[in-house]
């Protein structure tokens, strides 16, 4: 979801993965509207499929690690980047919009606990607080986890310094993940150690990107069959968890990388059209503000205005997406206007 867009050297671009990011953020919106809207609907699609979209946050972790590796891995390895520049860019990219959303949520909550949580949010380091359970921008937990990854990115670069070390690091991460599940049960996806398997999987995908981008047709068919099998296993369980998500998302990314050059018109149309790529570009903003848009709809009593609950759900989901896009658009256009005014003053 969070892509580095401001490195001095343009990062490698994989537009198919950009498109995947857009569909994933739409899936998360669909899931949150389903959970919070209390629509009287049932069925496999509504109860199982849409409910499983919560695991798209793991996909965003994987894509974040892959995108960061495309932009910074070689520069850290070569020693051609300054840490001051790296960390300043992280704050410049994330902090302004997140701080704005947190402040807006604080105004709505106006409680002492909200003030404490707001202060923790503004540091962007709240992901290091054990079991923080922050409710001010509740979906912001993901940002806390990803920013913890940014803090550790130089170490991450060391861990995936070569393929052998990367596989060893991934194996240790899987072991720690299992220990979190069976022994340290207070941990969750908010904790960087628990979620490290997805960040390291993103690093492994980066290391093998050339092999999969140029793989044979038969290898592509094999990946497709493995992906379909993993999806079947994934949905065999009513509440698929983190470990079942890992092969699904990893194989999907490998498949889309292989289609980067050879993908047909249909693939390019679904993943690389201007609407999808724009949604991918503002995916972070959509993620952070979509619940604000939903709460506005809720307070205006617009969630159940039709006689059919399926129509109510579809309308609420579409309105939430459009509302989030509108907020992101106003924010980004405001930034552009502000920069133009600053240039004129100079």
C-alpha atoms as a PDB file:
ATOM      1  CA  UNK A   1       0.000   0.000   0.000  1.00  0.00           C
ATOM      2  CA  UNK A   2       2.785   2.433   0.848  1.00  0.00           C
ATOM      3  CA  UNK A   3       5.096   2.966  -2.084  1.00  0.00           C
ATOM      4  CA  UNK A   4       8.294   4.934  -2.119  1.00  0.00           C
ATOM      5  CA  UNK A   5       7.764   7.694  -4.648  1.00  0.00           C
ATOM      6  CA  UNK A   6      10.499  10.127  -3.723  1.00  0.00           C
ATOM      7  CA  UNK A   7      13.839   8.366  -3.991  1.00  0.00           C
ATOM      8  CA  UNK A   8      16.461  10.188  -6.051  1.00  0.00           C
ATOM      9  CA  UNK A   9      16.915   7.192  -8.314  1.00  0.00           C
ATOM     10  CA  UNK A  10      13.637   6.088  -9.842  1.00  0.00           C
ATOM     11  CA  UNK A  11      12.727   2.654  -8.412  1.00  0.00           C
ATOM     12  CA  UNK A  12      11.888  -0.299 -10.598  1.00  0.00           C
ATOM     13  CA  UNK A  13       8.205  -0.250 -11.499  1.00  0.00           C
ATOM     14  CA  UNK A  14       5.955  -3.281 -11.720  1.00  0.00           C
ATOM     15  CA  UNK A  15       2.606  -1.916 -12.833  1.00  0.00           C
ATOM     16  CA  UNK A  16       0.886  -5.272 -12.379  1.00  0.00           C
ATOM     17  CA  UNK A  17       1.732  -5.129  -8.669  1.00  0.00           C
ATOM     18  CA  UNK A  18       0.550  -1.521  -8.584  1.00  0.00           C
ATOM     19  CA  UNK A  19      -2.780  -2.742  -9.921  1.00  0.00           C
ATOM     20  CA  UNK A  20      -2.890  -5.493  -7.321  1.00  0.00           C
ATOM     21  CA  UNK A  21      -2.431  -2.886  -4.609  1.00  0.00           C
ATOM     22  CA  UNK A  22      -5.493  -0.992  -5.859  1.00  0.00           C
ATOM     23  CA  UNK A  23      -7.725  -4.083  -5.794  1.00  0.00           C
ATOM     24  CA  UNK A  24      -6.440  -4.944  -2.318  1.00  0.00           C
ATOM     25  CA  UNK A  25      -7.366  -1.545  -0.898  1.00  0.00           C
ATOM     26  CA  UNK A  26     -10.852  -1.860  -2.402  1.00  0.00           C
ATOM     27  CA  UNK A  27     -11.105  -5.290  -0.762  1.00  0.00           C
ATOM     28  CA  UNK A  28     -10.209  -3.856   2.639  1.00  0.00           C
ATOM     29  CA  UNK A  29     -12.871  -1.162   2.243  1.00  0.00           C
ATOM     30  CA  UNK A  30     -15.440  -3.841   1.345  1.00  0.00           C
ATOM     31  CA  UNK A  31     -14.478  -5.793   4.459  1.00  0.00           C
ATOM     32  CA  UNK A  32     -14.678  -2.808   6.820  1.00  0.00           C
ATOM     33  CA  UNK A  33     -18.048  -1.722   5.429  1.00  0.00           C
ATOM     34  CA  UNK A  34     -19.311  -5.279   5.903  1.00  0.00           C
ATOM     35  CA  UNK A  35     -18.093  -5.477   9.518  1.00  0.00           C
ATOM     36  CA  UNK A  36     -19.268  -2.020  10.593  1.00  0.00           C
ATOM     37  CA  UNK A  37     -22.433  -1.637   8.526  1.00  0.00           C
ATOM     38  CA  UNK A  38     -24.433  -4.488  10.114  1.00  0.00           C
ATOM     39  CA  UNK A  39     -26.234  -5.391   6.898  1.00  0.00           C
ATOM     40  CA  UNK A  40     -28.725  -8.252   7.035  1.00  0.00           C
ATOM     41  CA  UNK A  41     -26.994 -10.312   4.355  1.00  0.00           C
ATOM     42  CA  UNK A  42     -25.651 -13.848   4.385  1.00  0.00           C
ATOM     43  CA  UNK A  43     -23.927 -16.151   1.944  1.00  0.00           C
ATOM     44  CA  UNK A  44     -20.482 -17.499   1.093  1.00  0.00           C
ATOM     45  CA  UNK A  45     -19.396 -14.385  -0.787  1.00  0.00           C
ATOM     46  CA  UNK A  46     -20.507 -12.018   1.949  1.00  0.00           C
ATOM     47  CA  UNK A  47     -19.564 -14.074   5.024  1.00  0.00           C
ATOM     48  CA  UNK A  48     -16.424 -15.900   3.888  1.00  0.00           C
ATOM     49  CA  UNK A  49     -14.838 -14.186   0.892  1.00  0.00           C
ATOM     50  CA  UNK A  50     -15.317 -10.536   1.833  1.00  0.00           C
ATOM     51  CA  UNK A  51     -14.545 -11.303   5.478  1.00  0.00           C
ATOM     52  CA  UNK A  52     -11.199 -12.828   4.422  1.00  0.00           C
ATOM     53  CA  UNK A  53     -10.175  -9.539   2.791  1.00  0.00           C
ATOM     54  CA  UNK A  54      -8.885  -8.446   6.189  1.00  0.00           C
ATOM     55  CA  UNK A  55      -5.770 -10.452   5.334  1.00  0.00           C
ATOM     56  CA  UNK A  56      -4.960  -8.042   2.520  1.00  0.00           C
ATOM     57  CA  UNK A  57      -3.021  -6.118   5.159  1.00  0.00           C
ATOM     58  CA  UNK A  58      -0.476  -8.948   4.953  1.00  0.00           C
ATOM     59  CA  UNK A  59      -0.339  -8.452   1.198  1.00  0.00           C
ATOM     60  CA  UNK A  60       0.412  -4.762   1.755  1.00  0.00           C
ATOM     61  CA  UNK A  61       3.295  -5.694   4.064  1.00  0.00           C
ATOM     62  CA  UNK A  62       4.725  -7.925   1.365  1.00  0.00           C
ATOM     63  CA  UNK A  63       4.290  -5.254  -1.317  1.00  0.00           C
ATOM     64  CA  UNK A  64       5.775  -2.579   0.938  1.00  0.00           C
ATOM     65  CA  UNK A  65       8.928  -4.654   1.450  1.00  0.00           C
ATOM     66  CA  UNK A  66       9.160  -5.368  -2.280  1.00  0.00           C
ATOM     67  CA  UNK A  67       8.665  -1.687  -3.228  1.00  0.00           C
ATOM     68  CA  UNK A  68      11.183  -0.480  -0.671  1.00  0.00           C
ATOM     69  CA  UNK A  69      13.687  -3.034  -1.944  1.00  0.00           C
ATOM     70  CA  UNK A  70      13.192  -1.802  -5.500  1.00  0.00           C
ATOM     71  CA  UNK A  71      13.901   1.753  -4.415  1.00  0.00           C
ATOM     72  CA  UNK A  72      16.583   1.350  -1.743  1.00  0.00           C
ATOM     73  CA  UNK A  73      18.109  -2.125  -1.548  1.00  0.00           C
ATOM     74  CA  UNK A  74      20.969  -1.461  -3.973  1.00  0.00           C
ATOM     75  CA  UNK A  75      21.602   1.998  -2.540  1.00  0.00           C
ATOM     76  CA  UNK A  76      21.950   0.645   0.986  1.00  0.00           C
ATOM     77  CA  UNK A  77      24.166  -2.160  -0.254  1.00  0.00           C
ATOM     78  CA  UNK A  78      26.366   0.318  -2.148  1.00  0.00           C
ATOM     79  CA  UNK A  79      26.381   2.867   0.673  1.00  0.00           C
ATOM     80  CA  UNK A  80      25.084   5.619  -1.623  1.00  0.00           C
ATOM     81  CA  UNK A  81      22.272   6.851   0.632  1.00  0.00           C
ATOM     82  CA  UNK A  82      22.305   8.943   3.800  1.00  0.00           C
ATOM     83  CA  UNK A  83      20.181   7.786   6.713  1.00  0.00           C
ATOM     84  CA  UNK A  84      19.046  11.365   7.356  1.00  0.00           C
ATOM     85  CA  UNK A  85      17.601  11.552   3.853  1.00  0.00           C
ATOM     86  CA  UNK A  86      16.007   8.114   4.093  1.00  0.00           C
ATOM     87  CA  UNK A  87      14.167   8.695   7.369  1.00  0.00           C
ATOM     88  CA  UNK A  88      13.175  12.284   6.546  1.00  0.00           C
ATOM     89  CA  UNK A  89      11.502  11.045   3.366  1.00  0.00           C
ATOM     90  CA  UNK A  90       9.556   8.443   5.306  1.00  0.00           C
ATOM     91  CA  UNK A  91       8.147  11.101   7.615  1.00  0.00           C
ATOM     92  CA  UNK A  92       7.510  13.544   4.757  1.00  0.00           C
ATOM     93  CA  UNK A  93       5.590  10.891   2.844  1.00  0.00           C
ATOM     94  CA  UNK A  94       3.450   9.570   5.686  1.00  0.00           C
ATOM     95  CA  UNK A  95       3.200  12.032   8.573  1.00  0.00           C
ATOM     96  CA  UNK A  96       1.191  15.011   7.190  1.00  0.00           C
ATOM     97  CA  UNK A  97      -1.883  13.081   6.021  1.00  0.00           C
ATOM     98  CA  UNK A  98      -1.815  10.689   8.976  1.00  0.00           C
ATOM     99  CA  UNK A  99      -1.507  13.588  11.436  1.00  0.00           C
ATOM    100  CA  UNK A 100      -4.461  15.306   9.741  1.00  0.00           C
ATOM    101  CA  UNK A 101      -6.638  12.189  10.023  1.00  0.00           C
ATOM    102  CA  UNK A 102      -5.603  11.635  13.648  1.00  0.00           C
ATOM    103  CA  UNK A 103      -6.461  15.224  14.535  1.00  0.00           C
ATOM    104  CA  UNK A 104      -9.841  14.924  12.831  1.00  0.00           C
ATOM    105  CA  UNK A 105     -10.553  11.713  14.750  1.00  0.00           C
ATOM    106  CA  UNK A 106      -9.438  13.373  18.004  1.00  0.00           C
ATOM    107  CA  UNK A 107     -11.959  16.162  17.443  1.00  0.00           C
ATOM    108  CA  UNK A 108     -14.707  13.561  17.036  1.00  0.00           C
ATOM    109  CA  UNK A 109     -13.656  11.562  20.113  1.00  0.00           C
ATOM    110  CA  UNK A 110     -12.601  14.494  22.394  1.00  0.00           C
ATOM    111  CA  UNK A 111     -11.589  12.338  25.372  1.00  0.00           C
ATOM    112  CA  UNK A 112      -8.444  12.164  27.503  1.00  0.00           C
ATOM    113  CA  UNK A 113      -7.596   8.674  26.244  1.00  0.00           C
ATOM    114  CA  UNK A 114      -7.950   9.948  22.674  1.00  0.00           C
ATOM    115  CA  UNK A 115      -5.436  12.716  23.428  1.00  0.00           C
ATOM    116  CA  UNK A 116      -2.932  10.154  24.725  1.00  0.00           C
ATOM    117  CA  UNK A 117      -3.418   7.924  21.683  1.00  0.00           C
ATOM    118  CA  UNK A 118      -3.228  10.924  19.335  1.00  0.00           C
ATOM    119  CA  UNK A 119       0.140  11.886  20.822  1.00  0.00           C
ATOM    120  CA  UNK A 120       1.441   8.336  20.368  1.00  0.00           C
ATOM    121  CA  UNK A 121       0.165   8.240  16.769  1.00  0.00           C
ATOM    122  CA  UNK A 122       2.001  11.431  15.835  1.00  0.00           C
ATOM    123  CA  UNK A 123       5.377   9.852  16.598  1.00  0.00           C
ATOM    124  CA  UNK A 124       4.747   7.116  13.987  1.00  0.00           C
ATOM    125  CA  UNK A 125       6.683   4.884  16.398  1.00  0.00           C
ATOM    126  CA  UNK A 126       3.600   3.576  18.193  1.00  0.00           C
ATOM    127  CA  UNK A 127       4.016   0.193  16.519  1.00  0.00           C
ATOM    128  CA  UNK A 128       6.787  -0.498  19.030  1.00  0.00           C
ATOM    129  CA  UNK A 129       4.352  -0.217  21.954  1.00  0.00           C
ATOM    130  CA  UNK A 130       3.311  -3.775  22.970  1.00  0.00           C
ATOM    131  CA  UNK A 131      -0.427  -4.418  22.596  1.00  0.00           C
ATOM    132  CA  UNK A 132      -1.109  -0.723  22.068  1.00  0.00           C
ATOM    133  CA  UNK A 133      -4.720  -1.146  20.838  1.00  0.00           C
ATOM    134  CA  UNK A 134      -4.931   2.472  19.726  1.00  0.00           C
ATOM    135  CA  UNK A 135      -8.438   3.471  18.647  1.00  0.00           C
ATOM    136  CA  UNK A 136      -7.629   6.916  17.205  1.00  0.00           C
ATOM    137  CA  UNK A 137      -7.496   5.967  13.506  1.00  0.00           C
ATOM    138  CA  UNK A 138      -7.855   2.316  14.457  1.00  0.00           C
ATOM    139  CA  UNK A 139      -6.840   1.163  10.987  1.00  0.00           C
ATOM    140  CA  UNK A 140      -3.587   3.059  11.529  1.00  0.00           C
ATOM    141  CA  UNK A 141      -2.133   0.041  13.325  1.00  0.00           C
ATOM    142  CA  UNK A 142      -0.872  -1.030   9.907  1.00  0.00           C
ATOM    143  CA  UNK A 143       1.069   2.200   9.562  1.00  0.00           C
ATOM    144  CA  UNK A 144       2.693   1.587  12.936  1.00  0.00           C
ATOM    145  CA  UNK A 145       3.828  -1.871  11.839  1.00  0.00           C
ATOM    146  CA  UNK A 146       5.111  -0.674   8.464  1.00  0.00           C
ATOM    147  CA  UNK A 147       6.948   2.260  10.038  1.00  0.00           C
ATOM    148  CA  UNK A 148       8.652  -0.205  12.390  1.00  0.00           C
ATOM    149  CA  UNK A 149       9.780  -1.995   9.241  1.00  0.00           C
ATOM    150  CA  UNK A 150      11.118   1.300   7.866  1.00  0.00           C
ATOM    151  CA  UNK A 151      13.111   1.792  11.071  1.00  0.00           C
ATOM    152  CA  UNK A 152      14.634  -1.649  10.599  1.00  0.00           C
ATOM    153  CA  UNK A 153      15.122  -1.413   6.822  1.00  0.00           C
ATOM    154  CA  UNK A 154      18.954  -1.142   6.986  1.00  0.00           C
ATOM    155  CA  UNK A 155      18.950  -4.355   9.037  1.00  0.00           C
ATOM    156  CA  UNK A 156      16.430  -5.868   6.622  1.00  0.00           C
ATOM    157  CA  UNK A 157      18.854  -5.107   3.782  1.00  0.00           C
ATOM    158  CA  UNK A 158      21.503  -7.054   5.659  1.00  0.00           C
ATOM    159  CA  UNK A 159      19.140  -9.996   6.205  1.00  0.00           C
ATOM    160  CA  UNK A 160      18.474 -10.345   2.466  1.00  0.00           C
ATOM    161  CA  UNK A 161      22.039  -9.500   1.459  1.00  0.00           C
ATOM    162  CA  UNK A 162      22.181 -12.728  -0.555  1.00  0.00           C
ATOM    163  CA  UNK A 163      19.712 -15.493  -1.339  1.00  0.00           C
ATOM    164  CA  UNK A 164      21.152 -18.003   1.128  1.00  0.00           C
ATOM    165  CA  UNK A 165      21.005 -15.523   3.999  1.00  0.00           C
ATOM    166  CA  UNK A 166      17.549 -14.396   2.930  1.00  0.00           C
ATOM    167  CA  UNK A 167      16.193 -17.956   3.056  1.00  0.00           C
ATOM    168  CA  UNK A 168      17.799 -18.515   6.457  1.00  0.00           C
ATOM    169  CA  UNK A 169      16.280 -15.254   7.744  1.00  0.00           C
ATOM    170  CA  UNK A 170      12.899 -16.245   6.347  1.00  0.00           C
ATOM    171  CA  UNK A 171      13.127 -19.631   8.089  1.00  0.00           C
ATOM    172  CA  UNK A 172      13.883 -17.924  11.413  1.00  0.00           C
ATOM    173  CA  UNK A 173      10.948 -15.556  10.828  1.00  0.00           C
ATOM    174  CA  UNK A 174       8.614 -18.517  10.224  1.00  0.00           C
ATOM    175  CA  UNK A 175       9.846 -20.134  13.449  1.00  0.00           C
ATOM    176  CA  UNK A 176       9.231 -16.912  15.389  1.00  0.00           C
ATOM    177  CA  UNK A 177       5.805 -16.601  13.797  1.00  0.00           C
ATOM    178  CA  UNK A 178       4.903 -20.113  14.932  1.00  0.00           C
ATOM    179  CA  UNK A 179       6.172 -19.346  18.439  1.00  0.00           C
ATOM    180  CA  UNK A 180       3.925 -16.296  18.493  1.00  0.00           C
ATOM    181  CA  UNK A 181       0.961 -18.485  17.572  1.00  0.00           C
ATOM    182  CA  UNK A 182       1.564 -21.272  20.078  1.00  0.00           C
ATOM    183  CA  UNK A 183       3.544 -19.654  22.916  1.00  0.00           C
ATOM    184  CA  UNK A 184       3.502 -15.848  22.818  1.00  0.00           C
ATOM    185  CA  UNK A 185      -0.214 -15.655  22.122  1.00  0.00           C
ATOM    186  CA  UNK A 186      -0.545 -11.978  23.074  1.00  0.00           C
ATOM    187  CA  UNK A 187       1.219 -11.004  19.867  1.00  0.00           C
ATOM    188  CA  UNK A 188      -0.695 -10.108  16.712  1.00  0.00           C
ATOM    189  CA  UNK A 189      -0.185  -8.749  13.206  1.00  0.00           C
ATOM    190  CA  UNK A 190       0.469  -5.350  14.822  1.00  0.00           C
ATOM    191  CA  UNK A 191       3.834  -6.704  16.050  1.00  0.00           C
ATOM    192  CA  UNK A 192       6.775  -6.516  13.668  1.00  0.00           C
ATOM    193  CA  UNK A 193       8.138  -9.924  14.709  1.00  0.00           C
ATOM    194  CA  UNK A 194       4.808 -11.651  14.066  1.00  0.00           C
ATOM    195  CA  UNK A 195       4.491  -9.981  10.653  1.00  0.00           C
ATOM    196  CA  UNK A 196       8.148 -10.300   9.648  1.00  0.00           C
ATOM    197  CA  UNK A 197       7.440 -13.355   7.467  1.00  0.00           C
ATOM    198  CA  UNK A 198       5.572 -11.111   5.012  1.00  0.00           C
ATOM    199  CA  UNK A 199       8.270  -8.451   4.885  1.00  0.00           C
ATOM    200  CA  UNK A 200      10.937 -11.101   4.299  1.00  0.00           C
ATOM    201  CA  UNK A 201       8.736 -12.767   1.677  1.00  0.00           C
ATOM    202  CA  UNK A 202       8.662  -9.395  -0.106  1.00  0.00           C
ATOM    203  CA  UNK A 203      12.442  -9.320   0.068  1.00  0.00           C
ATOM    204  CA  UNK A 204      12.691 -12.830  -1.406  1.00  0.00           C
ATOM    205  CA  UNK A 205      10.362 -11.852  -4.241  1.00  0.00           C
ATOM    206  CA  UNK A 206      12.664  -8.924  -4.963  1.00  0.00           C
ATOM    207  CA  UNK A 207      15.739 -11.180  -5.070  1.00  0.00           C
ATOM    208  CA  UNK A 208      14.033 -13.598  -7.500  1.00  0.00           C
ATOM    209  CA  UNK A 209      12.186 -10.999  -9.579  1.00  0.00           C
ATOM    210  CA  UNK A 210      14.326 -11.447 -12.681  1.00  0.00           C
ATOM    211  CA  UNK A 211      13.926 -15.235 -12.690  1.00  0.00           C
ATOM    212  CA  UNK A 212      10.148 -14.970 -12.522  1.00  0.00           C
ATOM    213  CA  UNK A 213       9.923 -12.065 -14.939  1.00  0.00           C
ATOM    214  CA  UNK A 214      11.653 -14.215 -17.562  1.00  0.00           C
ATOM    215  CA  UNK A 215      10.307 -17.656 -16.671  1.00  0.00           C
ATOM    216  CA  UNK A 216       9.032 -20.089 -19.282  1.00  0.00           C
ATOM    217  CA  UNK A 217       5.405 -20.680 -20.203  1.00  0.00           C
ATOM    218  CA  UNK A 218       5.408 -24.051 -18.451  1.00  0.00           C
ATOM    219  CA  UNK A 219       6.745 -22.470 -15.278  1.00  0.00           C
ATOM    220  CA  UNK A 220       3.966 -19.884 -15.478  1.00  0.00           C
ATOM    221  CA  UNK A 221       1.386 -22.666 -15.800  1.00  0.00           C
ATOM    222  CA  UNK A 222       2.907 -24.376 -12.752  1.00  0.00           C
ATOM    223  CA  UNK A 223       2.668 -21.140 -10.734  1.00  0.00           C
ATOM    224  CA  UNK A 224      -0.970 -20.733 -11.807  1.00  0.00           C
ATOM    225  CA  UNK A 225      -1.846 -24.265 -10.677  1.00  0.00           C
ATOM    226  CA  UNK A 226      -0.044 -23.793  -7.358  1.00  0.00           C
ATOM    227  CA  UNK A 227      -1.824 -20.478  -6.852  1.00  0.00           C
ATOM    228  CA  UNK A 228      -5.251 -22.012  -7.522  1.00  0.00           C
ATOM    229  CA  UNK A 229      -4.470 -24.866  -5.114  1.00  0.00           C
ATOM    230  CA  UNK A 230      -3.382 -22.438  -2.409  1.00  0.00           C
ATOM    231  CA  UNK A 231      -6.597 -20.412  -2.857  1.00  0.00           C
ATOM    232  CA  UNK A 232      -8.686 -23.591  -2.495  1.00  0.00           C
ATOM    233  CA  UNK A 233      -6.864 -24.479   0.716  1.00  0.00           C
ATOM    234  CA  UNK A 234      -7.152 -20.867   1.891  1.00  0.00           C
ATOM    235  CA  UNK A 235     -10.942 -20.832   1.560  1.00  0.00           C
ATOM    236  CA  UNK A 236     -11.327 -24.363   2.885  1.00  0.00           C
ATOM    237  CA  UNK A 237     -10.910 -22.782   6.318  1.00  0.00           C
ATOM    238  CA  UNK A 238     -13.690 -20.455   7.458  1.00  0.00           C
ATOM    239  CA  UNK A 239     -11.229 -17.969   8.954  1.00  0.00           C
ATOM    240  CA  UNK A 240      -7.958 -18.294   7.012  1.00  0.00           C
ATOM    241  CA  UNK A 241      -5.048 -16.909   8.992  1.00  0.00           C
ATOM    242  CA  UNK A 242      -1.617 -15.509   8.369  1.00  0.00           C
ATOM    243  CA  UNK A 243       0.221 -18.702   7.385  1.00  0.00           C
ATOM    244  CA  UNK A 244      -2.409 -19.627   4.794  1.00  0.00           C
ATOM    245  CA  UNK A 245      -2.228 -16.102   3.390  1.00  0.00           C
ATOM    246  CA  UNK A 246       1.511 -16.299   2.790  1.00  0.00           C
ATOM    247  CA  UNK A 247       1.597 -18.796  -0.140  1.00  0.00           C
ATOM    248  CA  UNK A 248      -1.478 -17.212  -1.755  1.00  0.00           C
ATOM    249  CA  UNK A 249      -0.014 -13.710  -1.829  1.00  0.00           C
ATOM    250  CA  UNK A 250       3.530 -14.816  -2.649  1.00  0.00           C
ATOM    251  CA  UNK A 251       2.445 -16.949  -5.614  1.00  0.00           C
ATOM    252  CA  UNK A 252       0.125 -14.190  -6.824  1.00  0.00           C
ATOM    253  CA  UNK A 253       2.989 -11.686  -6.828  1.00  0.00           C
ATOM    254  CA  UNK A 254       5.270 -14.104  -8.678  1.00  0.00           C
ATOM    255  CA  UNK A 255       2.522 -14.693 -11.238  1.00  0.00           C
ATOM    256  CA  UNK A 256       1.924 -10.985 -11.818  1.00  0.00           C
ATOM    257  CA  UNK A 257       5.652 -10.315 -12.146  1.00  0.00           C
ATOM    258  CA  UNK A 258       5.812 -13.030 -14.820  1.00  0.00           C
ATOM    259  CA  UNK A 259       2.974 -11.269 -16.658  1.00  0.00           C
ATOM    260  CA  UNK A 260       4.694  -7.880 -16.499  1.00  0.00           C
ATOM    261  CA  UNK A 261       6.015  -8.252 -20.054  1.00  0.00           C
ATOM    262  CA  UNK A 262       3.951 -11.091 -21.488  1.00  0.00           C
ATOM    263  CA  UNK A 263       0.539 -10.207 -20.056  1.00  0.00           C
ATOM    264  CA  UNK A 264      -2.212  -9.923 -22.630  1.00  0.00           C
ATOM    265  CA  UNK A 265      -4.589  -7.075 -23.287  1.00  0.00           C
ATOM    266  CA  UNK A 266      -7.051  -8.351 -20.682  1.00  0.00           C
ATOM    267  CA  UNK A 267      -4.379  -8.476 -17.977  1.00  0.00           C
ATOM    268  CA  UNK A 268      -3.127  -4.997 -18.810  1.00  0.00           C
ATOM    269  CA  UNK A 269      -6.680  -3.683 -18.945  1.00  0.00           C
ATOM    270  CA  UNK A 270      -7.575  -5.044 -15.519  1.00  0.00           C
ATOM    271  CA  UNK A 271      -4.364  -4.129 -13.720  1.00  0.00           C
ATOM    272  CA  UNK A 272      -2.854  -1.215 -15.607  1.00  0.00           C
ATOM    273  CA  UNK A 273      -5.713   1.086 -16.619  1.00  0.00           C
ATOM    274  CA  UNK A 274      -5.616   4.721 -15.485  1.00  0.00           C
ATOM    275  CA  UNK A 275      -8.305   4.335 -12.790  1.00  0.00           C
ATOM    276  CA  UNK A 276      -6.646   1.366 -11.127  1.00  0.00           C
ATOM    277  CA  UNK A 277      -3.203   2.969 -11.235  1.00  0.00           C
ATOM    278  CA  UNK A 278      -4.577   6.172  -9.706  1.00  0.00           C
ATOM    279  CA  UNK A 279      -6.217   4.203  -6.883  1.00  0.00           C
ATOM    280  CA  UNK A 280      -2.891   2.471  -6.321  1.00  0.00           C
ATOM    281  CA  UNK A 281      -1.126   5.832  -6.161  1.00  0.00           C
ATOM    282  CA  UNK A 282      -3.422   7.090  -3.381  1.00  0.00           C
ATOM    283  CA  UNK A 283      -3.887   3.714  -1.667  1.00  0.00           C
ATOM    284  CA  UNK A 284      -2.280   4.900   1.568  1.00  0.00           C
ATOM    285  CA  UNK A 285      -4.649   7.868   1.773  1.00  0.00           C
ATOM    286  CA  UNK A 286      -7.665   5.671   0.992  1.00  0.00           C
ATOM    287  CA  UNK A 287      -6.653   3.221   3.693  1.00  0.00           C
ATOM    288  CA  UNK A 288      -6.255   5.900   6.344  1.00  0.00           C
ATOM    289  CA  UNK A 289      -9.396   7.904   5.595  1.00  0.00           C
ATOM    290  CA  UNK A 290     -11.966   5.392   4.343  1.00  0.00           C
ATOM    291  CA  UNK A 291     -13.389   4.834   7.823  1.00  0.00           C
ATOM    292  CA  UNK A 292     -13.775   8.596   8.187  1.00  0.00           C
ATOM    293  CA  UNK A 293     -15.843   8.585   4.992  1.00  0.00           C
ATOM    294  CA  UNK A 294     -17.833   5.620   6.297  1.00  0.00           C
ATOM    295  CA  UNK A 295     -18.574   7.326   9.624  1.00  0.00           C
ATOM    296  CA  UNK A 296     -19.848  10.395   7.769  1.00  0.00           C
ATOM    297  CA  UNK A 297     -22.268   8.163   5.845  1.00  0.00           C
ATOM    298  CA  UNK A 298     -23.287   6.496   9.101  1.00  0.00           C
ATOM    299  CA  UNK A 299     -23.945   9.787  10.897  1.00  0.00           C
ATOM    300  CA  UNK A 300     -25.990  10.993   7.917  1.00  0.00           C
ATOM    301  CA  UNK A 301     -28.081   7.772   8.152  1.00  0.00           C
ATOM    302  CA  UNK A 302     -27.286   6.795   4.556  1.00  0.00           C
ATOM    303  CA  UNK A 303     -26.324   3.154   5.150  1.00  0.00           C
ATOM    304  CA  UNK A 304     -29.829   1.677   5.031  1.00  0.00           C
ATOM    305  CA  UNK A 305     -31.835   3.961   2.775  1.00  0.00           C
ATOM    306  CA  UNK A 306     -32.969   1.266   0.317  1.00  0.00           C
ATOM    307  CA  UNK A 307     -35.345  -1.600   0.878  1.00  0.00           C
ATOM    308  CA  UNK A 308     -32.804  -4.233  -0.181  1.00  0.00           C
ATOM    309  CA  UNK A 309     -29.871  -4.883   2.136  1.00  0.00           C
ATOM    310  CA  UNK A 310     -27.603  -6.056  -0.699  1.00  0.00           C
ATOM    311  CA  UNK A 311     -28.212  -2.762  -2.494  1.00  0.00           C
ATOM    312  CA  UNK A 312     -27.568  -0.925   0.777  1.00  0.00           C
ATOM    313  CA  UNK A 313     -24.233  -2.693   1.172  1.00  0.00           C
ATOM    314  CA  UNK A 314     -23.133  -2.048  -2.413  1.00  0.00           C
ATOM    315  CA  UNK A 315     -24.169   1.598  -2.179  1.00  0.00           C
ATOM    316  CA  UNK A 316     -22.377   2.067   1.155  1.00  0.00           C
ATOM    317  CA  UNK A 317     -19.186   0.418  -0.122  1.00  0.00           C
ATOM    318  CA  UNK A 318     -19.161   2.482  -3.324  1.00  0.00           C
ATOM    319  CA  UNK A 319     -19.906   5.698  -1.433  1.00  0.00           C
ATOM    320  CA  UNK A 320     -17.137   4.930   1.071  1.00  0.00           C
ATOM    321  CA  UNK A 321     -14.599   4.389  -1.707  1.00  0.00           C
ATOM    322  CA  UNK A 322     -15.675   7.554  -3.516  1.00  0.00           C
ATOM    323  CA  UNK A 323     -15.636   9.531  -0.264  1.00  0.00           C
ATOM    324  CA  UNK A 324     -12.122   8.351   0.547  1.00  0.00           C
ATOM    325  CA  UNK A 325     -10.939   9.166  -2.986  1.00  0.00           C
ATOM    326  CA  UNK A 326     -12.481  12.634  -2.664  1.00  0.00           C
ATOM    327  CA  UNK A 327     -10.691  13.285   0.651  1.00  0.00           C
ATOM    328  CA  UNK A 328      -7.396  12.093  -0.831  1.00  0.00           C
ATOM    329  CA  UNK A 329      -7.917  14.192  -3.963  1.00  0.00           C
ATOM    330  CA  UNK A 330      -8.669  17.364  -1.968  1.00  0.00           C
ATOM    331  CA  UNK A 331      -5.628  16.755   0.227  1.00  0.00           C
ATOM    332  CA  UNK A 332      -3.243  16.147  -2.672  1.00  0.00           C
ATOM    333  CA  UNK A 333      -4.551  19.104  -4.671  1.00  0.00           C
ATOM    334  CA  UNK A 334      -4.200  21.245  -1.557  1.00  0.00           C
ATOM    335  CA  UNK A 335      -0.556  20.209  -1.275  1.00  0.00           C
ATOM    336  CA  UNK A 336       0.049  21.107  -4.925  1.00  0.00           C
ATOM    337  CA  UNK A 337      -1.519  24.539  -4.453  1.00  0.00           C
ATOM    338  CA  UNK A 338       0.493  25.109  -1.276  1.00  0.00           C
ATOM    339  CA  UNK A 339       3.757  24.261  -3.048  1.00  0.00           C
ATOM    340  CA  UNK A 340       2.892  26.645  -5.893  1.00  0.00           C
ATOM    341  CA  UNK A 341       2.235  29.448  -3.409  1.00  0.00           C
ATOM    342  CA  UNK A 342       5.536  28.776  -1.676  1.00  0.00           C
ATOM    343  CA  UNK A 343       7.382  28.932  -5.015  1.00  0.00           C
ATOM    344  CA  UNK A 344       5.726  32.253  -5.866  1.00  0.00           C
ATOM    345  CA  UNK A 345       6.760  33.704  -2.503  1.00  0.00           C
ATOM    346  CA  UNK A 346      10.334  32.599  -3.075  1.00  0.00           C
END
